[in-house]
Amino acid sequence: MKGLALKKAMIWIDRGHSTEQIDVMFNPTEYSMDASNEYSWQTVPGLSLPIAQFVSGESTSLNMDLFFDTYEAGTDVRQKTMQIAGLLEVDKDLHAPPLCKFVWGTLQFKGVAVKVSQRYTMFLDSGLPVRATLKVTFRAVQSITEQFKNIPRQSADRTKQRTVKQGDQLWQIAAEEYEEPGLWREIARANGIENPKRLEPGTVIKIPRLYG
C-alpha cells in the first residue's frame, strides 16, 4: 500500500551482558509455526485401548527460509549467513547458545535457534559463494522460573491406605493417587495383587509412596 514503509525483519540476540541486532537481508516470503503435546500410552489389563496420559506440552517452533544475495557487491555471502548460523554456537559466558527474538511487524517470537541448514546456489568464477538460502528453526523457551511454576506438584509422598469400592480398578486408583494410571503396578506389587482385574470391595490396600 502506498505510503507504508516496508518493515524489515530482524533478530535480537540476548547475551545476558549485552544485546545485538541482526538485520535480515530479505524478509521471508512465508513462515510456519508448529506446536504439539507429548503423551505416554499405558496399557491396562482388561481395556482394549491404552490410556493416554498427558506428559507435557512441546514448545512452539518457528520455521522459515531466509534468502541472502551479495552478487552485485561481489562479496562472500557467508559473511551474512554466518551471523545466523552463529546463533547455534555456545556463548562462553552463558555456557549455552544465546536467547534471541525474531521480530517482524507484529510477530515477536522469543526462543533459541535449534537448526540452521545452509544451501549455496550461486558462485562467482572464483568459486566465491554469493547467494544462499538458510532454513532456520527457532523454538520458544521460558525462563527457569516460568518453567518451574508450571511443574505439577501433586504426587504420593507417603504411604497411605485406601478402601476398595465397588467398581474400583487399579489403574483408576493410580490415576487418582499418582496422576499416572500406568503406576497401577506399584500398587499391585505393594499389596501382593496377582490379578489386577479382581479387587474385592471393602478390601483395604496400601498406596505406596513413589520416592524414598
Protein backbone atom coordinates (compact mmCIF):
# COMPACT_ATOMS: atom_id res chain seq x y z
CA MET A 1 0.00 0.00 0.00
CA LYS A 2 1.33 3.42 -0.97
CA GLY A 3 2.74 5.41 1.92
CA LEU A 4 3.50 2.39 4.13
CA ALA A 5 7.18 1.80 4.87
CA LEU A 6 8.48 -1.74 4.41
CA LYS A 7 9.09 -3.32 7.80
CA LYS A 8 12.39 -5.17 7.87
CA ALA A 9 12.65 -8.37 9.86
CA MET A 10 15.40 -8.50 12.46
CA ILE A 11 16.79 -10.79 15.12
CA TRP A 12 17.67 -9.51 18.58
CA ILE A 13 20.31 -11.55 20.43
CA ASP A 14 20.35 -11.52 24.23
CA ARG A 15 23.77 -12.47 25.59
CA GLY A 16 22.92 -11.52 29.18
CA HIS A 17 25.63 -8.88 29.42
CA SER A 18 24.77 -7.30 26.04
CA THR A 19 22.30 -7.33 23.15
CA GLU A 20 22.99 -7.48 19.43
CA GLN A 21 20.87 -6.95 16.34
CA ILE A 22 20.95 -8.84 13.05
CA ASP A 23 19.07 -7.27 10.15
CA VAL A 24 17.61 -9.95 7.89
CA MET A 25 18.75 -9.23 4.34
CA PHE A 26 15.40 -10.07 2.72
CA ASN A 27 12.12 -10.59 4.53
CA PRO A 28 10.87 -14.21 4.42
CA THR A 29 8.12 -14.95 1.90
CA GLU A 30 6.39 -17.17 4.45
CA TYR A 31 6.87 -18.83 7.82
CA SER A 32 5.22 -21.65 9.75
CA MET A 33 4.62 -22.26 13.45
CA ASP A 34 4.28 -25.77 14.87
CA ALA A 35 3.02 -26.83 18.30
CA SER A 36 2.37 -30.27 19.81
CA ASN A 37 1.84 -32.19 23.04
CA GLU A 38 3.62 -35.30 24.35
CA TYR A 39 1.63 -38.24 25.75
CA SER A 40 2.59 -41.55 27.26
CA TRP A 41 0.43 -44.55 26.35
CA GLN A 42 -0.21 -47.02 29.17
CA THR A 43 -1.63 -50.48 28.58
CA VAL A 44 -4.14 -51.59 31.20
CA PRO A 45 -5.34 -55.19 31.67
CA GLY A 46 -8.94 -55.56 30.54
CA LEU A 47 -9.01 -52.50 28.29
CA SER A 48 -8.92 -52.73 24.50
CA LEU A 49 -7.14 -49.38 24.09
CA PRO A 50 -4.23 -47.85 26.04
CA ILE A 51 -4.77 -44.93 28.41
CA ALA A 52 -3.41 -41.63 27.12
CA GLN A 53 -1.52 -39.80 29.87
CA PHE A 54 -0.54 -36.20 29.19
CA VAL A 55 3.19 -35.70 29.86
CA SER A 56 3.96 -32.16 28.79
CA GLY A 57 3.48 -29.58 26.11
CA GLU A 58 6.13 -29.19 23.44
CA SER A 59 7.44 -25.71 22.83
CA THR A 60 6.25 -23.94 19.68
CA SER A 61 8.69 -23.82 16.78
CA LEU A 62 9.02 -21.09 14.17
CA ASN A 63 10.30 -22.20 10.76
CA MET A 64 11.30 -20.09 7.75
CA ASP A 65 13.64 -19.72 4.79
CA LEU A 66 15.95 -16.71 4.74
CA PHE A 67 17.45 -15.57 1.43
CA PHE A 68 20.85 -13.88 1.03
CA ASP A 69 22.37 -12.39 -2.13
CA THR A 70 25.66 -10.48 -2.44
CA TYR A 71 26.17 -10.97 -6.19
CA GLU A 72 26.10 -7.28 -7.06
CA ALA A 73 28.52 -6.42 -4.26
CA GLY A 74 30.77 -9.31 -5.28
CA THR A 75 31.38 -10.22 -1.64
CA ASP A 76 31.29 -13.57 0.16
CA VAL A 77 27.68 -14.25 1.15
CA ARG A 78 28.94 -16.29 4.11
CA GLN A 79 29.77 -13.02 5.85
CA LYS A 80 25.99 -12.61 6.12
CA THR A 81 24.93 -16.20 6.70
CA MET A 82 27.47 -16.85 9.44
CA GLN A 83 25.60 -14.36 11.63
CA ILE A 84 22.54 -16.62 11.54
CA ALA A 85 24.49 -19.87 11.85
CA GLY A 86 26.34 -18.33 14.79
CA LEU A 87 23.11 -18.39 16.82
CA LEU A 88 23.79 -22.11 17.36
CA GLU A 89 27.19 -21.51 18.96
CA VAL A 90 27.65 -21.74 22.72
CA ASP A 91 28.23 -18.36 24.35
CA LYS A 92 31.32 -18.62 26.58
CA ASP A 93 29.68 -16.58 29.35
CA LEU A 94 26.24 -18.18 29.18
CA HIS A 95 27.62 -21.72 28.60
CA ALA A 96 24.71 -22.14 26.18
CA PRO A 97 23.55 -20.66 22.88
CA PRO A 98 22.03 -17.21 23.40
CA LEU A 99 18.35 -16.36 23.60
CA CYS A 100 17.06 -14.45 20.62
CA LYS A 101 13.89 -12.78 19.39
CA PHE A 102 12.72 -12.76 15.79
CA VAL A 103 10.84 -9.53 15.16
CA TRP A 104 8.87 -8.75 12.02
CA GLY A 105 5.91 -6.41 12.27
CA THR A 106 3.50 -7.89 14.83
CA LEU A 107 5.47 -11.16 15.06
CA GLN A 108 7.76 -11.23 18.08
CA PHE A 109 8.99 -14.77 18.69
CA LYS A 110 11.32 -15.33 21.65
CA GLY A 111 13.36 -18.51 21.81
CA VAL A 112 16.56 -20.16 20.67
CA ALA A 113 17.83 -21.22 17.26
CA VAL A 114 17.87 -25.03 17.13
CA LYS A 115 18.61 -25.72 13.46
CA VAL A 116 20.18 -23.85 10.55
CA SER A 117 20.58 -25.54 7.16
CA GLN A 118 22.62 -23.61 4.60
CA ARG A 119 22.29 -24.06 0.82
CA TYR A 120 24.55 -22.09 -1.54
CA THR A 121 23.12 -21.63 -5.05
CA MET A 122 25.30 -19.08 -6.90
CA PHE A 123 29.06 -18.61 -7.18
CA LEU A 124 31.50 -16.28 -8.87
CA ASP A 125 34.02 -17.74 -11.35
CA SER A 126 36.46 -17.88 -8.47
CA GLY A 127 34.12 -20.20 -6.56
CA LEU A 128 33.13 -17.50 -4.07
CA PRO A 129 29.53 -18.10 -2.91
CA VAL A 130 27.28 -15.07 -3.44
CA ARG A 131 23.78 -16.47 -2.98
CA ALA A 132 22.33 -18.70 -0.27
CA THR A 133 19.10 -19.87 1.31
CA LEU A 134 19.02 -20.77 5.00
CA LYS A 135 16.33 -22.96 6.54
CA VAL A 136 16.06 -21.75 10.13
CA THR A 137 14.13 -23.20 13.06
CA PHE A 138 13.58 -21.36 16.33
CA ARG A 139 11.97 -22.92 19.41
CA ALA A 140 10.17 -20.94 22.06
CA VAL A 141 11.65 -21.07 25.55
CA GLN A 142 10.65 -19.92 29.00
CA SER A 143 12.85 -18.74 31.80
CA ILE A 144 13.74 -21.29 34.50
CA THR A 145 11.39 -19.51 36.93
CA GLU A 146 8.50 -19.68 34.48
CA GLN A 147 9.11 -23.38 33.81
CA PHE A 148 9.10 -24.36 37.48
CA LYS A 149 5.80 -22.53 38.01
CA ASN A 150 4.19 -24.96 35.57
CA ILE A 151 5.53 -28.21 37.04
CA PRO A 152 2.75 -30.29 38.70
CA ARG A 153 3.37 -30.67 42.42
CA GLN A 154 0.87 -33.44 43.19
CA SER A 155 2.33 -36.87 43.96
CA ALA A 156 2.09 -39.51 46.65
CA ASP A 157 4.88 -38.67 49.10
CA ARG A 158 3.92 -41.04 51.89
CA THR A 159 2.33 -44.47 52.23
CA LYS A 160 -1.39 -44.38 52.92
CA GLN A 161 -4.35 -46.73 52.88
CA ARG A 162 -7.49 -46.83 50.81
CA THR A 163 -10.63 -48.92 50.95
CA VAL A 164 -11.64 -50.51 47.66
CA LYS A 165 -15.12 -49.56 46.48
CA GLN A 166 -17.40 -51.44 44.11
CA GLY A 167 -16.14 -50.96 40.54
CA ASP A 168 -12.67 -49.71 41.52
CA GLN A 169 -9.82 -50.72 39.25
CA LEU A 170 -6.13 -50.38 39.98
CA TRP A 171 -5.41 -48.14 37.00
CA GLN A 172 -8.18 -45.76 38.13
CA ILE A 173 -6.77 -45.68 41.67
CA ALA A 174 -3.27 -44.99 40.30
CA ALA A 175 -4.66 -42.16 38.17
CA GLU A 176 -6.34 -40.58 41.21
CA GLU A 177 -3.42 -41.04 43.59
CA TYR A 178 -0.44 -40.51 41.31
CA GLU A 179 -1.99 -38.79 38.26
CA GLU A 180 -0.45 -41.67 36.27
CA PRO A 181 -2.61 -44.77 35.51
CA GLY A 182 0.44 -46.76 34.41
CA LEU A 183 1.66 -46.85 38.03
CA TRP A 184 -1.03 -49.40 38.96
CA ARG A 185 1.77 -51.97 39.04
CA GLU A 186 3.32 -50.22 42.06
CA ILE A 187 0.07 -50.64 43.98
CA ALA A 188 -0.29 -54.26 42.88
CA ARG A 189 3.27 -55.05 43.92
CA ALA A 190 2.88 -53.37 47.33
CA ASN A 191 -0.26 -55.40 48.08
CA GLY A 192 0.70 -58.72 46.50
CA ILE A 193 -2.14 -58.48 43.98
CA GLU A 194 -1.63 -61.05 41.23
CA ASN A 195 -4.83 -60.41 39.28
CA PRO A 196 -5.43 -56.65 38.98
CA LYS A 197 -8.89 -57.25 37.50
CA ARG A 198 -10.13 -58.87 40.71
CA LEU A 199 -10.46 -56.36 43.53
CA GLU A 200 -12.75 -57.22 46.42
CA PRO A 201 -14.88 -54.26 47.60
CA GLY A 202 -14.14 -53.42 51.22
CA THR A 203 -10.51 -54.54 50.98
CA VAL A 204 -8.02 -52.10 52.47
CA ILE A 205 -4.97 -51.65 50.25
CA LYS A 206 -1.75 -49.69 50.68
CA ILE A 207 -0.93 -46.82 48.36
CA PRO A 208 2.90 -46.80 48.48
CA ARG A 209 4.95 -43.65 48.32
CA LEU A 210 6.65 -43.09 44.99
CA TYR A 211 10.04 -41.96 46.25
CA GLY A 212 12.17 -42.55 49.28
